[in-house]
Amino acid sequence: MVIGFFAALGVGYVLILALAFFGQRVLLFPAPRSALPLSAASQLVELEHTVLLVRPPKSADAPVVLHFHGNGEQLASVEWMADAWAEQGAGFVAVEYPGYGLAKSKGTPSEASILTAADEALNHVQIAMGIRPDRLVLSGQSLGSGVAVAVARRGIGRKLVLFTPYTSLPDVGARVMPFLPVRLLMRDRFDSREKAVDVKQPVLIIHGTDDEVVPFDLGERLSKVFPNATLLRIEGGHHNDVAGREDVWAALVPFVVGR
């Protein structure tokens, strides 16, 4: 009877492992079911693997922010950011992930497909929009921080902004599900810690101390790996309430717009 009990536990655990492995992308990429509308101020550019939200800069030498959003967001979720940067004269381009919102028909989300979308966005910004590398600022929030780091590692962009970043997705998963061998199971890793050492650009990391999704200490650890990073510690800040704070933008604007 005892043997049967432990056998049942073993079978149950194996089933949980199988569910975690095959269902992980549903949890990791909870794409909104429908696309929310955008204002007339935002231009939409449809590419093969992505759709871009574009706000051109006010002048030929103004910076352009290329932004990668969080895993539960879509283009409409970050349109406020486009408005905020437009007030500073900066351009803004947000990248929709395959399977998300307006790019729902562009494929399914994964690390590989999102990085492909990022490459398409870069080509559009640099070639079609004619944005010089010294004007481009990379920006990523939560999941998108891993995308931004991967792009910055290639020497692209003059500065890098990371909201609530992680060291790697397996590190986050291990905190959420410590009873599972997450580091072995995860297919999409976005290992920013491994890439950070190669990022030479100035980096601004913004992270709340009470982040309930990506623990603050992961962002803090990541900040120590970059050769040139500043950590903006937001006391009491949570995962979704730091990006739009006035004190954050007081530090963000001079970092992005200043030389």
Protein backbone atom coordinates (compact mmCIF):
# COMPACT_ATOMS: atom_id res chain seq x y z
CA MET A 1 0.00 0.00 0.00
CA VAL A 2 2.86 2.35 0.87
CA ILE A 3 4.60 1.48 -2.39
CA GLY A 4 1.40 2.19 -4.28
CA PHE A 5 1.08 5.58 -2.59
CA PHE A 6 4.59 6.66 -3.55
CA ALA A 7 4.10 5.27 -7.06
CA ALA A 8 1.00 7.43 -7.42
CA LEU A 9 2.96 10.45 -6.18
CA GLY A 10 5.65 9.72 -8.74
CA VAL A 11 3.15 9.43 -11.57
CA GLY A 12 1.49 12.66 -10.44
CA TYR A 13 4.83 14.48 -10.38
CA VAL A 14 5.69 13.23 -13.86
CA LEU A 15 2.33 14.51 -15.11
CA ILE A 16 3.04 17.91 -13.54
CA LEU A 17 6.42 17.96 -15.27
CA ALA A 18 4.82 17.13 -18.61
CA LEU A 19 2.18 19.82 -18.12
CA ALA A 20 4.83 22.37 -17.17
CA PHE A 21 6.97 21.52 -20.20
CA PHE A 22 4.26 21.45 -22.86
CA GLY A 23 2.18 24.26 -21.38
CA GLN A 24 4.96 26.65 -20.45
CA ARG A 25 4.50 29.00 -23.40
CA VAL A 26 0.84 29.50 -22.56
CA LEU A 27 1.96 30.72 -19.12
CA LEU A 28 4.96 32.66 -20.33
CA PHE A 29 3.25 34.41 -23.23
CA PRO A 30 -0.33 35.24 -22.13
CA ALA A 31 -1.06 37.20 -25.29
CA PRO A 32 -4.18 39.38 -25.11
CA ARG A 33 -7.04 37.74 -27.04
CA SER A 34 -7.95 40.84 -29.00
CA ALA A 35 -6.15 43.96 -30.15
CA LEU A 36 -7.08 47.19 -28.41
CA PRO A 37 -7.53 50.29 -30.59
CA LEU A 38 -4.82 52.91 -30.95
CA SER A 39 -5.20 56.66 -31.31
CA ALA A 40 -4.89 58.45 -34.64
CA ALA A 41 -1.55 59.88 -33.47
CA SER A 42 0.14 56.50 -33.77
CA GLN A 43 1.32 55.16 -37.10
CA LEU A 44 1.19 51.42 -37.68
CA VAL A 45 3.76 49.65 -39.82
CA GLU A 46 3.08 46.03 -40.77
CA LEU A 47 6.09 43.81 -41.41
CA GLU A 48 6.38 40.09 -42.08
CA HIS A 49 6.71 39.00 -38.45
CA THR A 50 5.56 42.03 -36.48
CA VAL A 51 3.54 45.22 -36.39
CA LEU A 52 5.16 48.45 -35.18
CA LEU A 53 3.69 51.45 -33.40
CA VAL A 54 5.63 54.44 -34.70
CA ARG A 55 5.87 58.05 -33.57
CA PRO A 56 8.51 59.91 -35.58
CA PRO A 57 10.91 62.22 -33.70
CA LYS A 58 10.36 65.97 -33.77
CA SER A 59 13.80 66.71 -35.22
CA ALA A 60 16.50 65.01 -37.26
CA ASP A 61 18.87 64.71 -34.29
CA ALA A 62 16.36 63.68 -31.58
CA PRO A 63 16.68 60.22 -30.01
CA VAL A 64 14.34 57.39 -30.99
CA VAL A 65 13.29 54.87 -28.32
CA LEU A 66 12.82 51.29 -29.56
CA HIS A 67 10.66 49.57 -26.95
CA PHE A 68 9.89 45.92 -26.19
CA HIS A 69 6.82 45.44 -23.98
CA GLY A 70 5.92 42.99 -21.21
CA ASN A 71 4.49 39.52 -21.69
CA GLY A 72 0.88 40.47 -20.91
CA GLU A 73 0.89 43.72 -22.90
CA GLN A 74 0.32 44.80 -26.48
CA LEU A 75 0.94 47.96 -28.51
CA ALA A 76 -2.04 49.80 -27.01
CA SER A 77 -0.62 49.13 -23.53
CA VAL A 78 2.43 51.28 -24.24
CA GLU A 79 0.86 54.05 -26.30
CA TRP A 80 1.04 56.29 -23.22
CA MET A 81 4.81 55.90 -23.44
CA ALA A 82 4.72 57.09 -27.05
CA ASP A 83 2.82 60.18 -25.87
CA ALA A 84 5.31 60.79 -23.06
CA TRP A 85 8.34 60.60 -25.35
CA ALA A 86 6.63 62.77 -27.96
CA GLU A 87 6.37 65.50 -25.31
CA GLN A 88 10.15 65.33 -25.00
CA GLY A 89 10.60 65.54 -28.78
CA ALA A 90 11.84 61.95 -28.98
CA GLY A 91 10.66 59.35 -31.45
CA PHE A 92 9.15 56.07 -30.30
CA VAL A 93 8.80 52.66 -31.90
CA ALA A 94 7.13 49.74 -30.09
CA VAL A 95 7.41 46.18 -31.34
CA GLU A 96 4.44 43.79 -31.25
CA TYR A 97 5.33 40.15 -30.66
CA PRO A 98 4.16 37.39 -33.03
CA GLY A 99 0.83 36.05 -31.78
CA TYR A 100 0.06 39.26 -29.86
CA GLY A 101 -2.57 41.91 -30.55
CA LEU A 102 -2.22 43.32 -34.04
CA ALA A 103 0.45 40.70 -34.86
CA LYS A 104 -1.77 37.77 -33.87
CA SER A 105 -1.51 36.27 -37.35
CA LYS A 106 2.28 36.68 -37.51
CA GLY A 107 3.11 33.38 -35.80
CA THR A 108 3.40 32.12 -32.25
CA PRO A 109 5.45 33.76 -29.49
CA SER A 110 8.79 32.25 -28.52
CA GLU A 111 12.27 33.55 -27.83
CA ALA A 112 13.27 32.88 -31.44
CA SER A 113 10.20 34.46 -33.03
CA ILE A 114 10.36 37.55 -30.82
CA LEU A 115 14.03 38.10 -31.64
CA THR A 116 13.16 37.74 -35.34
CA ALA A 117 10.51 40.46 -34.88
CA ALA A 118 13.12 42.61 -33.13
CA ASP A 119 15.49 42.26 -36.09
CA GLU A 120 12.74 43.31 -38.50
CA ALA A 121 11.98 46.32 -36.35
CA LEU A 122 15.65 47.29 -36.32
CA ASN A 123 15.87 47.06 -40.09
CA HIS A 124 12.83 49.30 -40.44
CA VAL A 125 14.13 51.87 -37.95
CA GLN A 126 17.60 52.01 -39.45
CA ILE A 127 16.78 51.69 -43.16
CA ALA A 128 13.21 52.86 -43.77
CA MET A 129 13.24 55.56 -41.07
CA GLY A 130 16.92 56.41 -41.53
CA ILE A 131 17.71 56.50 -37.80
CA ARG A 132 21.45 56.57 -37.14
CA PRO A 133 22.79 54.19 -34.46
CA ASP A 134 23.84 57.10 -32.26
CA ARG A 135 20.19 58.23 -32.00
CA LEU A 136 18.71 54.86 -31.04
CA VAL A 137 17.88 54.05 -27.40
CA LEU A 138 16.74 50.51 -26.58
CA SER A 139 14.04 50.00 -23.96
CA GLY A 140 12.50 46.85 -22.50
CA GLN A 141 9.99 46.09 -19.78
CA SER A 142 9.80 42.78 -17.91
CA LEU A 143 9.85 40.09 -20.64
CA GLY A 144 10.92 42.77 -23.10
CA SER A 145 14.03 43.52 -21.05
CA GLY A 146 15.50 40.23 -22.24
CA VAL A 147 14.83 41.22 -25.85
CA ALA A 148 16.43 44.63 -25.38
CA VAL A 149 19.54 43.12 -23.77
CA ALA A 150 19.91 40.60 -26.60
CA VAL A 151 19.81 43.43 -29.14
CA ALA A 152 22.15 45.69 -27.14
CA ARG A 153 24.70 42.91 -26.85
CA ARG A 154 25.30 43.26 -30.58
CA GLY A 155 26.43 46.86 -30.07
CA ILE A 156 23.13 48.31 -31.29
CA GLY A 157 21.81 51.48 -29.64
CA ARG A 158 23.68 54.14 -27.72
CA LYS A 159 21.83 53.56 -24.43
CA LEU A 160 19.69 50.89 -22.80
CA VAL A 161 16.71 51.29 -20.43
CA LEU A 162 15.37 48.27 -18.53
CA PHE A 163 12.18 48.28 -16.48
CA THR A 164 11.81 45.44 -13.93
CA PRO A 165 14.38 43.17 -15.62
CA TYR A 166 15.48 39.66 -14.71
CA THR A 167 18.76 37.76 -14.86
CA SER A 168 17.13 34.97 -16.90
CA LEU A 169 13.66 33.50 -17.29
CA PRO A 170 14.69 30.23 -15.60
CA ASP A 171 15.79 32.28 -12.57
CA VAL A 172 12.31 33.80 -12.38
CA GLY A 173 10.61 30.46 -12.94
CA ALA A 174 12.67 28.82 -10.20
CA ARG A 175 11.35 31.43 -7.73
CA VAL A 176 7.75 30.85 -8.78
CA MET A 177 7.91 27.04 -8.92
CA PRO A 178 10.79 25.91 -6.69
CA PHE A 179 9.36 22.36 -6.60
CA LEU A 180 10.07 21.86 -10.33
CA PRO A 181 13.40 21.56 -12.23
CA VAL A 182 12.58 24.76 -14.08
CA ARG A 183 16.11 25.34 -15.34
CA LEU A 184 15.93 22.05 -17.24
CA LEU A 185 12.37 22.48 -18.49
CA MET A 186 12.36 26.03 -19.86
CA ARG A 187 12.60 26.34 -23.63
CA ASP A 188 12.72 30.16 -23.80
CA ARG A 189 15.47 31.49 -21.58
CA PHE A 190 16.33 35.10 -22.42
CA ASP A 191 19.53 34.82 -20.40
CA SER A 192 20.32 38.50 -19.85
CA ARG A 193 22.94 37.79 -17.20
CA GLU A 194 25.02 35.83 -19.73
CA LYS A 195 24.74 38.64 -22.29
CA ALA A 196 25.12 41.65 -19.99
CA VAL A 197 28.89 41.51 -19.75
CA ASP A 198 29.11 42.27 -23.49
CA VAL A 199 26.86 45.34 -23.31
CA LYS A 200 29.14 48.36 -23.30
CA GLN A 201 26.43 51.04 -23.61
CA PRO A 202 25.24 52.99 -20.54
CA VAL A 203 22.33 51.15 -18.90
CA LEU A 204 19.58 52.47 -16.63
CA ILE A 205 17.76 49.77 -14.62
CA ILE A 206 14.48 50.67 -12.91
CA HIS A 207 13.12 48.18 -10.39
CA GLY A 208 10.65 48.28 -7.49
CA THR A 209 11.69 46.74 -4.19
CA ASP A 210 8.27 45.06 -3.78
CA ASP A 211 8.08 43.59 -7.27
CA GLU A 212 5.86 40.52 -6.91
CA VAL A 213 6.63 39.06 -10.36
CA VAL A 214 10.36 39.61 -10.91
CA PRO A 215 12.03 39.89 -7.49
CA PHE A 216 14.06 43.06 -6.98
CA ASP A 217 17.24 41.15 -6.20
CA LEU A 218 17.29 39.71 -9.75
CA GLY A 219 17.36 43.20 -11.22
CA GLU A 220 19.97 44.21 -8.67
CA ARG A 221 22.16 41.24 -9.56
CA LEU A 222 21.83 42.02 -13.25
CA SER A 223 22.89 45.62 -12.66
CA LYS A 224 26.21 44.39 -11.28
CA VAL A 225 27.03 42.38 -14.40
CA PHE A 226 26.77 45.25 -16.90
CA PRO A 227 30.05 47.17 -17.26
CA ASN A 228 28.22 50.52 -17.13
CA ALA A 229 24.85 50.36 -15.34
CA THR A 230 22.91 52.50 -12.89
CA LEU A 231 20.21 50.94 -10.71
CA LEU A 232 17.23 53.15 -9.86
CA ARG A 233 15.75 51.53 -6.77
CA ILE A 234 12.05 52.33 -6.33
CA GLU A 235 11.13 51.80 -2.68
CA GLY A 236 7.79 50.02 -2.40
CA GLY A 237 7.43 49.78 -6.18
CA HIS A 238 5.62 46.80 -7.67
CA HIS A 239 5.96 45.10 -11.05
CA ASN A 240 3.43 47.18 -12.96
CA ASP A 241 3.51 50.57 -11.25
CA VAL A 242 7.04 51.90 -11.71
CA ALA A 243 7.30 52.77 -15.41
CA GLY A 244 4.96 55.74 -15.32
CA ARG A 245 6.05 57.33 -12.03
CA GLU A 246 7.11 60.97 -12.03
CA ASP A 247 10.32 60.26 -10.11
CA VAL A 248 11.22 57.58 -12.64
CA TRP A 249 10.73 59.95 -15.57
CA ALA A 250 12.72 62.63 -13.76
CA ALA A 251 15.69 60.27 -14.10
CA LEU A 252 14.66 58.68 -17.40
CA VAL A 253 14.34 61.83 -19.51
CA PRO A 254 17.88 63.21 -18.96
CA PHE A 255 19.30 59.70 -19.42
CA VAL A 256 17.61 59.22 -22.78
CA VAL A 257 17.53 62.76 -24.17
CA GLY A 258 20.80 64.01 -22.72
CA ARG A 259 24.15 63.44 -24.32
